[in-house]
Amino acid sequence: MRKHLKIPGIDQCPVDDIVSIEGKGNYTTIFLKNGQTILMAKTLKKFESQLRLGTFLRIHKSYLVNKVNVLSHDLNETKTVKTILNQSLPVSRRKLDLVRGQLA
C-alpha cells in the first residue's frame, strides 16, 4: 500500500490527505483535505492502479474516493457519497453493490 504520491508542487503528498480524484479524459483533478485542487495529465485508471490496495474506492467512471474521508452516503435515493469537503459525488449503478459492501 502506497503512503505517498508524487504530485507537482507538493514533494510527497500523503495518500491520507487526498479526499477524492475526479477524472476527465486524460486529465485528473485531485482534491486535498486542505481544500487545494491539483490538475494532472494522468488518467484516473493510472491512479486507480497505484492506489488499488489502499483505502480508495472507484465509485463511478469519473471518481475515486478515499473511504477514510467519506462523511456519509445515501445509496438508496440520491445514490451519492458525501466527503469531508462537502462534495456530493455520484455512485454509478454498476458500482452500487460494491460501494454498499465497502462503506456499510
Protein backbone atom coordinates (compact mmCIF):
# COMPACT_ATOMS: atom_id res chain seq x y z
CA MET A 1 0.00 0.00 0.00
CA ARG A 2 1.37 3.39 -1.01
CA LYS A 3 1.67 6.03 1.68
CA HIS A 4 2.76 8.94 -0.54
CA LEU A 5 2.17 10.14 -4.09
CA LYS A 6 4.42 12.40 -6.13
CA ILE A 7 2.35 15.42 -7.11
CA PRO A 8 3.75 18.50 -8.88
CA GLY A 9 4.05 21.41 -6.45
CA ILE A 10 3.96 19.04 -3.47
CA ASP A 11 7.07 16.95 -2.92
CA GLN A 12 5.47 13.93 -1.25
CA CYS A 13 1.71 14.06 -0.72
CA PRO A 14 0.42 11.64 1.93
CA VAL A 15 -2.32 9.43 0.47
CA ASP A 16 -4.50 10.16 3.52
CA ASP A 17 -4.58 13.85 2.53
CA ILE A 18 -6.34 13.02 -0.76
CA VAL A 19 -10.12 13.24 -0.41
CA SER A 20 -11.16 12.36 -3.96
CA ILE A 21 -9.90 12.19 -7.52
CA GLU A 22 -12.04 13.19 -10.50
CA GLY A 23 -11.18 12.02 -14.00
CA LYS A 24 -11.91 13.99 -17.16
CA GLY A 25 -10.44 12.25 -20.18
CA ASN A 26 -6.65 12.23 -19.95
CA TYR A 27 -6.66 14.66 -17.01
CA THR A 28 -7.48 14.21 -13.34
CA THR A 29 -8.25 16.68 -10.61
CA ILE A 30 -7.03 15.75 -7.14
CA PHE A 31 -8.92 17.23 -4.17
CA LEU A 32 -6.87 17.53 -0.96
CA LYS A 33 -8.06 17.88 2.66
CA ASN A 34 -6.76 21.46 2.87
CA GLY A 35 -9.09 22.47 0.03
CA GLN A 36 -6.35 22.58 -2.59
CA THR A 37 -7.06 21.13 -6.05
CA ILE A 38 -4.37 19.88 -8.41
CA LEU A 39 -4.83 19.16 -12.11
CA MET A 40 -2.62 16.42 -13.56
CA ALA A 41 -2.16 14.96 -17.03
CA LYS A 42 -2.70 11.37 -15.91
CA THR A 43 -5.73 9.15 -16.37
CA LEU A 44 -7.93 8.04 -13.50
CA LYS A 45 -7.09 4.43 -14.37
CA LYS A 46 -3.40 5.07 -13.60
CA PHE A 47 -4.30 6.49 -10.19
CA GLU A 48 -6.61 3.55 -9.54
CA SER A 49 -3.82 1.07 -10.29
CA GLN A 50 -1.42 2.95 -7.96
CA LEU A 51 -3.94 3.17 -5.11
CA ARG A 52 -5.94 -0.08 -5.53
CA LEU A 53 -4.67 -1.75 -2.36
CA GLY A 54 -5.27 1.30 -0.19
CA THR A 55 -8.38 2.98 1.11
CA PHE A 56 -9.54 4.23 -2.30
CA LEU A 57 -12.74 3.09 -3.93
CA ARG A 58 -13.87 3.58 -7.54
CA ILE A 59 -17.47 4.76 -7.15
CA HIS A 60 -18.09 5.97 -10.70
CA LYS A 61 -16.49 6.06 -14.13
CA SER A 62 -15.15 9.51 -13.24
CA TYR A 63 -14.50 9.29 -9.48
CA LEU A 64 -12.17 7.66 -6.97
CA VAL A 65 -12.87 8.44 -3.32
CA ASN A 66 -10.82 7.88 -0.18
CA LYS A 67 -13.04 5.84 2.17
CA VAL A 68 -11.37 7.49 5.19
CA ASN A 69 -12.67 10.91 4.07
CA VAL A 70 -16.31 9.91 3.47
CA LEU A 71 -18.74 11.61 5.87
CA SER A 72 -21.98 9.98 4.80
CA HIS A 73 -23.68 8.23 1.92
CA ASP A 74 -27.18 7.90 0.56
CA LEU A 75 -27.13 4.83 -1.64
CA ASN A 76 -30.89 4.39 -1.81
CA GLU A 77 -32.42 7.65 -3.02
CA THR A 78 -29.80 10.05 -4.42
CA LYS A 79 -27.03 7.42 -4.83
CA THR A 80 -24.33 9.80 -3.65
CA VAL A 81 -21.35 9.84 -1.31
CA LYS A 82 -20.56 12.97 0.73
CA THR A 83 -16.92 13.79 1.53
CA ILE A 84 -15.36 15.95 4.25
CA LEU A 85 -15.02 18.75 1.65
CA ASN A 86 -18.83 18.75 1.32
CA GLN A 87 -18.59 17.21 -2.15
CA SER A 88 -21.58 15.17 -3.19
CA LEU A 89 -20.21 12.55 -5.58
CA PRO A 90 -22.44 10.27 -7.68
CA VAL A 91 -22.29 6.48 -7.37
CA SER A 92 -22.91 4.61 -10.62
CA ARG A 93 -25.49 1.83 -10.83
CA ARG A 94 -22.80 -0.72 -11.71
CA LYS A 95 -20.67 0.17 -8.67
CA LEU A 96 -23.59 0.44 -6.23
CA ASP A 97 -23.33 -3.06 -4.71
CA LEU A 98 -19.54 -2.78 -4.35
CA VAL A 99 -19.85 0.62 -2.65
CA ARG A 100 -22.57 -0.68 -0.32
CA GLY A 101 -20.30 -3.51 0.77
CA GLN A 102 -17.26 -1.28 1.28
CA LEU A 103 -18.97 1.60 3.09
CA ALA A 104 -21.53 -0.35 5.16
